[in-house]
């Protein structure tokens, strides 16, 4: 991967990638593995981008799909990563594991279903219901209901009312 591509097409969206990877990992090591795999897959699939959506939507879809795939592989205990290099360029968000409030929020998000994690992360990125539906492959009419249910579940998790 060229540093020009990374600087132009990945680094501006690194905060988004970091948020998604954090939602699907529990350790810094896993986070770094997921992050590097997402970046590699964005680079590998760059020529498949058809400009039918925003680049940020493409990055989100790749990030979410890679994280879900790696999560399934981890459950099967057969992780495979295409490289073992994490670029030195990082944003402040990548160090957020030291922030207790963020850890509590991400712990609660990790307790949601895999699909609900993706939906709430999109919502937190201020995507419209239609954009969320397009990315997740669902109906925009159901997204609002789903988000309200997710928010209720998160509130209960954060208040300690649900195990």
N, C-alpha and C. Protein backbone atom coordinates (compact mmCIF):
# COMPACT_ATOMS: atom_id res chain seq x y z
N UNK A 1 0.86 -1.18 0.00
CA UNK A 1 0.00 0.00 0.00
C UNK A 1 0.90 1.22 0.00
N UNK A 2 0.65 2.12 -0.91
CA UNK A 2 1.46 3.33 -0.98
C UNK A 2 1.07 4.30 0.12
N UNK A 3 2.03 5.08 0.56
CA UNK A 3 1.73 6.06 1.60
C UNK A 3 0.82 7.16 1.05
N UNK A 4 0.89 7.41 -0.27
CA UNK A 4 -0.01 8.40 -0.87
C UNK A 4 -1.46 7.96 -0.75
N UNK A 5 -1.73 6.69 -1.05
CA UNK A 5 -3.10 6.18 -0.94
C UNK A 5 -3.56 6.24 0.51
N UNK A 6 -2.69 5.80 1.42
CA UNK A 6 -3.04 5.82 2.83
C UNK A 6 -3.36 7.24 3.29
N UNK A 7 -2.52 8.18 2.92
CA UNK A 7 -2.70 9.58 3.33
C UNK A 7 -3.97 10.19 2.72
N UNK A 8 -4.26 9.87 1.48
CA UNK A 8 -5.39 10.49 0.79
C UNK A 8 -6.73 9.81 1.06
N UNK A 9 -6.73 8.47 1.18
CA UNK A 9 -8.00 7.75 1.19
C UNK A 9 -8.31 6.99 2.48
N UNK A 10 -7.33 6.79 3.32
CA UNK A 10 -7.58 6.06 4.57
C UNK A 10 -7.44 6.97 5.78
N UNK A 11 -6.35 7.71 5.85
CA UNK A 11 -6.10 8.56 7.02
C UNK A 11 -7.25 9.52 7.33
N UNK A 12 -7.87 10.16 6.31
CA UNK A 12 -8.99 11.05 6.63
C UNK A 12 -10.19 10.33 7.26
N UNK A 13 -10.26 9.02 7.11
CA UNK A 13 -11.37 8.23 7.65
C UNK A 13 -10.91 7.31 8.77
N UNK A 14 -9.71 7.55 9.28
CA UNK A 14 -9.15 6.66 10.31
C UNK A 14 -9.99 6.68 11.59
N UNK A 15 -10.57 7.83 11.94
CA UNK A 15 -11.39 7.88 13.15
C UNK A 15 -12.60 6.96 13.01
N UNK A 16 -13.20 6.93 11.82
CA UNK A 16 -14.34 6.04 11.55
C UNK A 16 -13.90 4.58 11.64
N UNK A 17 -12.78 4.26 11.03
CA UNK A 17 -12.26 2.89 11.07
C UNK A 17 -11.95 2.48 12.50
N UNK A 18 -11.35 3.38 13.24
CA UNK A 18 -11.00 3.10 14.64
C UNK A 18 -12.24 2.81 15.47
N UNK A 19 -13.28 3.60 15.29
CA UNK A 19 -14.52 3.39 16.05
C UNK A 19 -15.13 2.03 15.76
N UNK A 20 -15.13 1.66 14.50
CA UNK A 20 -15.71 0.37 14.13
C UNK A 20 -14.86 -0.77 14.70
N UNK A 21 -13.57 -0.68 14.52
CA UNK A 21 -12.68 -1.73 15.02
C UNK A 21 -12.77 -1.86 16.54
N UNK A 22 -12.87 -0.75 17.24
CA UNK A 22 -12.99 -0.79 18.70
C UNK A 22 -14.27 -1.49 19.14
N UNK A 23 -15.33 -1.31 18.36
CA UNK A 23 -16.62 -1.91 18.74
C UNK A 23 -16.61 -3.43 18.60
N UNK A 24 -15.66 -3.96 17.86
CA UNK A 24 -15.62 -5.40 17.63
C UNK A 24 -14.40 -6.08 18.24
N UNK A 25 -13.62 -5.35 19.05
CA UNK A 25 -12.44 -5.93 19.68
C UNK A 25 -12.42 -5.63 21.17
N UNK A 26 -11.70 -6.47 21.90
CA UNK A 26 -11.59 -6.29 23.34
C UNK A 26 -10.18 -5.94 23.80
N UNK A 27 -9.20 -6.15 22.94
CA UNK A 27 -7.81 -5.88 23.33
C UNK A 27 -7.15 -4.95 22.32
N UNK A 28 -6.09 -4.31 22.75
CA UNK A 28 -5.33 -3.43 21.87
C UNK A 28 -4.73 -4.24 20.72
N UNK A 29 -4.26 -5.43 21.00
CA UNK A 29 -3.67 -6.29 19.96
C UNK A 29 -4.70 -6.64 18.88
N UNK A 30 -5.89 -7.05 19.30
CA UNK A 30 -6.95 -7.35 18.33
C UNK A 30 -7.33 -6.09 17.55
N UNK A 31 -7.44 -4.97 18.25
CA UNK A 31 -7.77 -3.72 17.60
C UNK A 31 -6.77 -3.41 16.48
N UNK A 32 -5.48 -3.53 16.79
CA UNK A 32 -4.44 -3.25 15.79
C UNK A 32 -4.54 -4.20 14.60
N UNK A 33 -4.80 -5.48 14.88
CA UNK A 33 -4.95 -6.46 13.80
C UNK A 33 -6.14 -6.11 12.91
N UNK A 34 -7.26 -5.77 13.54
CA UNK A 34 -8.46 -5.43 12.77
C UNK A 34 -8.23 -4.17 11.95
N UNK A 35 -7.62 -3.17 12.57
CA UNK A 35 -7.36 -1.91 11.88
C UNK A 35 -6.49 -2.13 10.64
N UNK A 36 -5.41 -2.87 10.80
CA UNK A 36 -4.53 -3.08 9.65
C UNK A 36 -5.23 -3.90 8.57
N UNK A 37 -6.04 -4.86 8.97
CA UNK A 37 -6.76 -5.66 7.97
C UNK A 37 -7.79 -4.82 7.22
N UNK A 38 -8.47 -3.93 7.91
CA UNK A 38 -9.41 -3.02 7.25
C UNK A 38 -8.68 -2.15 6.23
N UNK A 39 -7.57 -1.56 6.64
CA UNK A 39 -6.80 -0.71 5.73
C UNK A 39 -6.34 -1.49 4.50
N UNK A 40 -5.87 -2.69 4.72
CA UNK A 40 -5.42 -3.53 3.61
C UNK A 40 -6.57 -3.85 2.66
N UNK A 41 -7.73 -4.18 3.21
CA UNK A 41 -8.88 -4.52 2.37
C UNK A 41 -9.41 -3.30 1.61
N UNK A 42 -9.34 -2.12 2.22
CA UNK A 42 -9.73 -0.90 1.50
C UNK A 42 -8.81 -0.72 0.31
N UNK A 43 -7.52 -0.91 0.53
CA UNK A 43 -6.56 -0.76 -0.56
C UNK A 43 -6.79 -1.81 -1.65
N UNK A 44 -7.01 -3.06 -1.24
CA UNK A 44 -7.21 -4.14 -2.20
C UNK A 44 -8.48 -3.98 -3.03
N UNK A 45 -9.50 -3.41 -2.45
CA UNK A 45 -10.80 -3.30 -3.15
C UNK A 45 -11.04 -1.92 -3.75
N UNK A 46 -10.06 -1.07 -3.72
CA UNK A 46 -10.24 0.32 -4.16
C UNK A 46 -10.74 0.43 -5.60
N UNK A 47 -10.33 -0.48 -6.45
CA UNK A 47 -10.75 -0.41 -7.86
C UNK A 47 -12.19 -0.87 -8.06
N UNK A 48 -12.77 -1.51 -7.04
CA UNK A 48 -14.16 -1.95 -7.13
C UNK A 48 -15.14 -0.85 -6.73
N UNK A 49 -14.61 0.24 -6.19
CA UNK A 49 -15.47 1.36 -5.79
C UNK A 49 -16.07 1.98 -7.05
N UNK A 50 -17.41 1.98 -7.13
CA UNK A 50 -18.11 2.42 -8.35
C UNK A 50 -18.68 3.83 -8.24
N UNK A 51 -18.40 4.52 -7.17
CA UNK A 51 -18.86 5.90 -6.98
C UNK A 51 -20.39 6.01 -6.93
N UNK A 52 -21.05 4.92 -6.56
CA UNK A 52 -22.51 4.95 -6.40
C UNK A 52 -22.90 5.49 -5.02
N UNK A 53 -21.91 5.60 -4.16
CA UNK A 53 -22.11 6.15 -2.82
C UNK A 53 -20.88 7.00 -2.48
N UNK A 54 -20.91 7.59 -1.31
CA UNK A 54 -19.77 8.37 -0.85
C UNK A 54 -18.61 7.43 -0.51
N UNK A 55 -17.38 7.93 -0.60
CA UNK A 55 -16.21 7.14 -0.21
C UNK A 55 -16.33 6.72 1.25
N UNK A 56 -16.85 7.60 2.10
CA UNK A 56 -17.00 7.28 3.53
C UNK A 56 -17.94 6.09 3.73
N UNK A 57 -18.96 5.98 2.91
CA UNK A 57 -19.88 4.85 2.99
C UNK A 57 -19.16 3.57 2.59
N UNK A 58 -18.35 3.65 1.55
CA UNK A 58 -17.55 2.50 1.10
C UNK A 58 -16.60 2.07 2.22
N UNK A 59 -15.91 3.03 2.81
CA UNK A 59 -14.97 2.73 3.90
C UNK A 59 -15.71 2.07 5.06
N UNK A 60 -16.89 2.59 5.39
CA UNK A 60 -17.67 2.02 6.48
C UNK A 60 -18.06 0.57 6.17
N UNK A 61 -18.53 0.34 4.97
CA UNK A 61 -18.96 -1.02 4.59
C UNK A 61 -17.80 -2.00 4.65
N UNK A 62 -16.66 -1.60 4.09
CA UNK A 62 -15.47 -2.46 4.12
C UNK A 62 -15.08 -2.72 5.57
N UNK A 63 -15.04 -1.67 6.38
CA UNK A 63 -14.64 -1.80 7.78
C UNK A 63 -15.56 -2.75 8.53
N UNK A 64 -16.85 -2.56 8.36
CA UNK A 64 -17.82 -3.40 9.05
C UNK A 64 -17.72 -4.85 8.58
N UNK A 65 -17.63 -5.06 7.27
CA UNK A 65 -17.53 -6.42 6.74
C UNK A 65 -16.26 -7.12 7.21
N UNK A 66 -15.14 -6.41 7.21
CA UNK A 66 -13.89 -7.01 7.67
C UNK A 66 -13.99 -7.38 9.14
N UNK A 67 -14.51 -6.47 9.95
CA UNK A 67 -14.63 -6.75 11.39
C UNK A 67 -15.55 -7.94 11.65
N UNK A 68 -16.66 -8.00 10.96
CA UNK A 68 -17.58 -9.13 11.13
C UNK A 68 -16.94 -10.44 10.69
N UNK A 69 -16.20 -10.40 9.59
CA UNK A 69 -15.52 -11.60 9.10
C UNK A 69 -14.45 -12.05 10.09
N UNK A 70 -13.65 -11.11 10.59
CA UNK A 70 -12.61 -11.47 11.54
C UNK A 70 -13.20 -11.97 12.85
N UNK A 71 -14.32 -11.39 13.26
CA UNK A 71 -14.99 -11.85 14.47
C UNK A 71 -15.45 -13.29 14.31
N UNK A 72 -16.00 -13.62 13.16
CA UNK A 72 -16.43 -15.00 12.91
C UNK A 72 -15.24 -15.94 12.88
N UNK A 73 -14.14 -15.51 12.25
CA UNK A 73 -12.94 -16.34 12.21
C UNK A 73 -12.38 -16.54 13.62
N UNK A 74 -12.45 -15.49 14.42
CA UNK A 74 -11.94 -15.60 15.79
C UNK A 74 -12.78 -16.60 16.58
N UNK A 75 -14.09 -16.56 16.38
CA UNK A 75 -14.97 -17.51 17.05
C UNK A 75 -14.62 -18.94 16.65
N UNK A 76 -14.19 -19.10 15.40
CA UNK A 76 -13.78 -20.42 14.91
C UNK A 76 -12.30 -20.69 15.18
N UNK A 77 -11.63 -19.68 15.81
CA UNK A 77 -10.22 -19.78 16.19
C UNK A 77 -9.32 -20.00 14.98
N UNK A 78 -9.64 -19.35 13.87
CA UNK A 78 -8.83 -19.45 12.67
C UNK A 78 -8.56 -18.08 12.08
N UNK A 79 -7.99 -17.19 12.89
CA UNK A 79 -7.69 -15.84 12.38
C UNK A 79 -6.57 -15.89 11.37
N UNK A 80 -6.74 -15.12 10.29
CA UNK A 80 -5.70 -14.96 9.29
C UNK A 80 -5.66 -13.50 8.91
N UNK A 81 -4.48 -12.91 9.04
CA UNK A 81 -4.32 -11.52 8.68
C UNK A 81 -3.33 -11.43 7.52
N UNK A 82 -3.62 -10.57 6.59
CA UNK A 82 -2.82 -10.48 5.38
C UNK A 82 -1.47 -9.83 5.61
N UNK A 83 -1.33 -9.07 6.67
CA UNK A 83 -0.05 -8.44 6.95
C UNK A 83 0.08 -8.26 8.45
N UNK A 84 1.26 -7.90 8.88
CA UNK A 84 1.44 -7.68 10.31
C UNK A 84 2.02 -6.30 10.58
N UNK A 85 1.67 -5.34 9.74
CA UNK A 85 2.17 -3.98 9.87
C UNK A 85 1.02 -3.02 10.09
N UNK A 86 1.08 -2.26 11.18
CA UNK A 86 0.12 -1.19 11.43
C UNK A 86 0.83 0.13 11.14
N UNK A 87 0.33 0.93 10.21
CA UNK A 87 0.99 2.20 9.89
C UNK A 87 1.18 3.07 11.13
N UNK A 88 2.27 3.82 11.12
CA UNK A 88 2.59 4.64 12.28
C UNK A 88 1.62 5.79 12.47
N UNK A 89 1.00 6.26 11.37
CA UNK A 89 0.06 7.37 11.49
C UNK A 89 -1.15 6.90 12.28
N UNK A 90 -1.43 7.58 13.37
CA UNK A 90 -2.59 7.26 14.19
C UNK A 90 -3.30 8.55 14.56
N UNK A 91 -4.55 8.43 14.92
CA UNK A 91 -5.26 9.59 15.43
C UNK A 91 -5.40 9.44 16.93
N UNK A 92 -5.79 10.50 17.60
CA UNK A 92 -5.95 10.44 19.05
C UNK A 92 -6.97 9.39 19.46
N UNK A 93 -7.95 9.13 18.61
CA UNK A 93 -8.98 8.15 18.91
C UNK A 93 -8.41 6.76 19.17
N UNK A 94 -7.29 6.43 18.56
CA UNK A 94 -6.74 5.08 18.72
C UNK A 94 -6.22 4.85 20.13
N UNK A 95 -5.97 5.90 20.87
CA UNK A 95 -5.50 5.77 22.24
C UNK A 95 -6.64 5.82 23.25
N UNK A 96 -7.86 5.77 22.77
CA UNK A 96 -9.02 5.94 23.64
C UNK A 96 -9.24 4.80 24.60
N UNK A 97 -8.53 3.68 24.45
CA UNK A 97 -8.69 2.58 25.40
C UNK A 97 -8.33 3.03 26.82
N UNK A 98 -7.55 4.07 26.95
CA UNK A 98 -7.19 4.58 28.28
C UNK A 98 -8.29 5.45 28.87
N UNK A 99 -9.27 5.86 28.08
CA UNK A 99 -10.36 6.70 28.55
C UNK A 99 -11.47 5.81 29.12
N UNK A 100 -11.68 5.89 30.41
CA UNK A 100 -12.63 5.00 31.09
C UNK A 100 -14.06 5.15 30.58
N UNK A 101 -14.50 6.39 30.35
CA UNK A 101 -15.87 6.59 29.85
C UNK A 101 -16.07 5.94 28.49
N UNK A 102 -15.09 6.08 27.61
CA UNK A 102 -15.20 5.43 26.30
C UNK A 102 -15.17 3.91 26.44
N UNK A 103 -14.34 3.42 27.34
CA UNK A 103 -14.30 1.97 27.56
C UNK A 103 -15.65 1.45 28.01
N UNK A 104 -16.31 2.18 28.90
CA UNK A 104 -17.63 1.76 29.39
C UNK A 104 -18.63 1.74 28.23
N UNK A 105 -18.62 2.78 27.42
CA UNK A 105 -19.52 2.84 26.27
C UNK A 105 -19.25 1.70 25.29
N UNK A 106 -17.98 1.50 24.95
CA UNK A 106 -17.65 0.43 24.01
C UNK A 106 -17.94 -0.95 24.59
N UNK A 107 -17.78 -1.11 25.90
CA UNK A 107 -18.16 -2.39 26.52
C UNK A 107 -19.65 -2.64 26.33
N UNK A 108 -20.45 -1.61 26.52
CA UNK A 108 -21.90 -1.76 26.32
C UNK A 108 -22.22 -2.04 24.85
N UNK A 109 -21.58 -1.33 23.95
CA UNK A 109 -21.81 -1.54 22.52
C UNK A 109 -21.42 -2.97 22.14
N UNK A 110 -20.32 -3.47 22.69
CA UNK A 110 -19.89 -4.84 22.38
C UNK A 110 -20.89 -5.89 22.83
N UNK A 111 -21.75 -5.55 23.76
CA UNK A 111 -22.75 -6.51 24.26
C UNK A 111 -23.98 -6.56 23.37
N UNK A 112 -24.05 -5.67 22.39
CA UNK A 112 -25.15 -5.69 21.42
C UNK A 112 -24.86 -6.78 20.38
N UNK A 113 -25.88 -7.14 19.62
CA UNK A 113 -25.67 -8.09 18.53
C UNK A 113 -24.73 -7.45 17.50
N UNK A 114 -24.13 -8.27 16.67
CA UNK A 114 -23.20 -7.77 15.67
C UNK A 114 -23.86 -6.74 14.76
N UNK A 115 -25.07 -6.99 14.33
CA UNK A 115 -25.78 -6.06 13.45
C UNK A 115 -26.12 -4.77 14.19
N UNK A 116 -26.60 -4.88 15.43
CA UNK A 116 -26.95 -3.68 16.20
C UNK A 116 -25.73 -2.81 16.46
N UNK A 117 -24.55 -3.42 16.64
CA UNK A 117 -23.32 -2.63 16.80
C UNK A 117 -23.10 -1.76 15.58
N UNK A 118 -23.24 -2.35 14.41
CA UNK A 118 -23.04 -1.60 13.18
C UNK A 118 -24.04 -0.47 13.03
N UNK A 119 -25.30 -0.74 13.36
CA UNK A 119 -26.35 0.27 13.24
C UNK A 119 -26.08 1.43 14.19
N UNK A 120 -25.75 1.14 15.43
CA UNK A 120 -25.54 2.23 16.39
C UNK A 120 -24.29 3.03 16.06
N UNK A 121 -23.27 2.39 15.53
CA UNK A 121 -22.08 3.14 15.13
C UNK A 121 -22.39 4.09 13.98
N UNK A 122 -23.20 3.65 13.05
CA UNK A 122 -23.62 4.53 11.96
C UNK A 122 -24.44 5.70 12.50
N UNK A 123 -25.33 5.40 13.43
CA UNK A 123 -26.14 6.44 14.05
C UNK A 123 -25.24 7.46 14.76
N UNK A 124 -24.24 6.96 15.47
CA UNK A 124 -23.32 7.86 16.17
C UNK A 124 -22.47 8.68 15.21
N UNK A 125 -22.32 8.19 13.99
CA UNK A 125 -21.61 8.94 12.94
C UNK A 125 -22.55 9.92 12.23
N UNK A 126 -23.79 10.01 12.73
CA UNK A 126 -24.80 10.93 12.22
C UNK A 126 -25.21 10.63 10.78
N UNK A 127 -25.23 9.35 10.44
CA UNK A 127 -25.73 8.94 9.12
C UNK A 127 -27.26 8.98 9.16
N UNK A 128 -27.86 9.28 8.01
CA UNK A 128 -29.31 9.31 7.94
C UNK A 128 -29.84 7.87 8.00
N UNK A 129 -31.12 7.73 8.30
CA UNK A 129 -31.73 6.41 8.33
C UNK A 129 -31.59 5.71 6.99
N UNK A 130 -31.72 6.47 5.90
CA UNK A 130 -31.59 5.89 4.56
C UNK A 130 -30.16 5.40 4.32
N UNK A 131 -29.17 6.20 4.74
CA UNK A 131 -27.78 5.77 4.59
C UNK A 131 -27.50 4.52 5.40
N UNK A 132 -28.03 4.47 6.62
CA UNK A 132 -27.85 3.29 7.46
C UNK A 132 -28.49 2.08 6.79
N UNK A 133 -29.68 2.27 6.25
CA UNK A 133 -30.37 1.17 5.57
C UNK A 133 -29.57 0.70 4.35
N UNK A 134 -29.02 1.63 3.59
CA UNK A 134 -28.24 1.27 2.41
C UNK A 134 -26.99 0.48 2.80
N UNK A 135 -26.33 0.90 3.85
CA UNK A 135 -25.09 0.24 4.28
C UNK A 135 -25.38 -1.14 4.85
N UNK A 136 -26.43 -1.24 5.64
CA UNK A 136 -26.72 -2.51 6.32
C UNK A 136 -27.61 -3.43 5.50
N UNK A 137 -28.16 -2.91 4.41
CA UNK A 137 -29.02 -3.73 3.56
C UNK A 137 -30.38 -3.98 4.15
N UNK A 138 -30.89 -3.01 4.90
CA UNK A 138 -32.21 -3.14 5.49
C UNK A 138 -33.12 -2.02 4.99
N UNK A 139 -34.32 -1.96 5.54
CA UNK A 139 -35.32 -0.98 5.15
C UNK A 139 -35.20 0.25 6.04
N UNK A 140 -35.20 1.43 5.43
CA UNK A 140 -35.06 2.68 6.18
C UNK A 140 -36.18 2.87 7.20
N UNK A 141 -37.37 2.35 6.91
CA UNK A 141 -38.50 2.50 7.84
C UNK A 141 -38.24 1.76 9.16
N UNK A 142 -37.51 0.68 9.10
CA UNK A 142 -37.24 -0.11 10.30
C UNK A 142 -36.06 0.42 11.12
N UNK A 143 -35.22 1.24 10.50
CA UNK A 143 -34.02 1.72 11.17
C UNK A 143 -34.36 2.55 12.41
N UNK A 144 -35.34 3.46 12.30
CA UNK A 144 -35.71 4.30 13.44
C UNK A 144 -36.16 3.47 14.64
N UNK A 145 -36.98 2.47 14.38
CA UNK A 145 -37.45 1.60 15.46
C UNK A 145 -36.27 0.84 16.06
N UNK A 146 -35.41 0.33 15.19
CA UNK A 146 -34.26 -0.44 15.66
C UNK A 146 -33.34 0.44 16.51
N UNK A 147 -33.10 1.67 16.07
CA UNK A 147 -32.22 2.58 16.82
C UNK A 147 -32.81 2.88 18.18
N UNK A 148 -34.11 3.11 18.26
CA UNK A 148 -34.73 3.36 19.57
C UNK A 148 -34.56 2.16 20.49
N UNK A 149 -34.73 0.97 19.97
CA UNK A 149 -34.54 -0.24 20.78
C UNK A 149 -33.09 -0.40 21.23
N UNK A 150 -32.19 -0.09 20.33
CA UNK A 150 -30.76 -0.17 20.68
C UNK A 150 -30.42 0.84 21.78
N UNK A 151 -30.94 2.06 21.63
CA UNK A 151 -30.67 3.09 22.65
C UNK A 151 -31.24 2.67 24.01
N UNK A 152 -32.42 2.08 24.01
CA UNK A 152 -33.00 1.60 25.27
C UNK A 152 -32.13 0.50 25.88
N UNK A 153 -31.66 -0.42 25.05
CA UNK A 153 -30.80 -1.50 25.53
C UNK A 153 -29.49 -0.94 26.08
N UNK A 154 -28.89 0.01 25.37
CA UNK A 154 -27.65 0.62 25.84
C UNK A 154 -27.85 1.34 27.17
N UNK A 155 -28.97 2.05 27.30
CA UNK A 155 -29.25 2.75 28.56
C UNK A 155 -29.33 1.75 29.71
N UNK A 156 -30.02 0.63 29.48
CA UNK A 156 -30.11 -0.39 30.52
C UNK A 156 -28.74 -0.99 30.83
N UNK A 157 -27.97 -1.23 29.80
CA UNK A 157 -26.61 -1.76 30.01
C UNK A 157 -25.74 -0.79 30.81
N UNK A 158 -25.83 0.48 30.45
CA UNK A 158 -25.02 1.48 31.12
C UNK A 158 -25.49 1.75 32.54
N UNK A 159 -26.79 1.57 32.78
CA UNK A 159 -27.33 1.75 34.12
C UNK A 159 -27.13 0.50 34.97
N UNK A 160 -26.60 -0.56 34.37
CA UNK A 160 -26.36 -1.80 35.11
C UNK A 160 -27.59 -2.65 35.34
N UNK A 161 -28.65 -2.44 34.54
CA UNK A 161 -29.89 -3.17 34.75
C UNK A 161 -29.95 -4.45 33.93
N UNK A 162 -28.98 -4.65 33.04
CA UNK A 162 -28.98 -5.83 32.19
C UNK A 162 -27.61 -6.46 32.28
N UNK A 163 -27.59 -7.77 32.34
CA UNK A 163 -26.29 -8.47 32.37
C UNK A 163 -25.90 -8.93 31.00
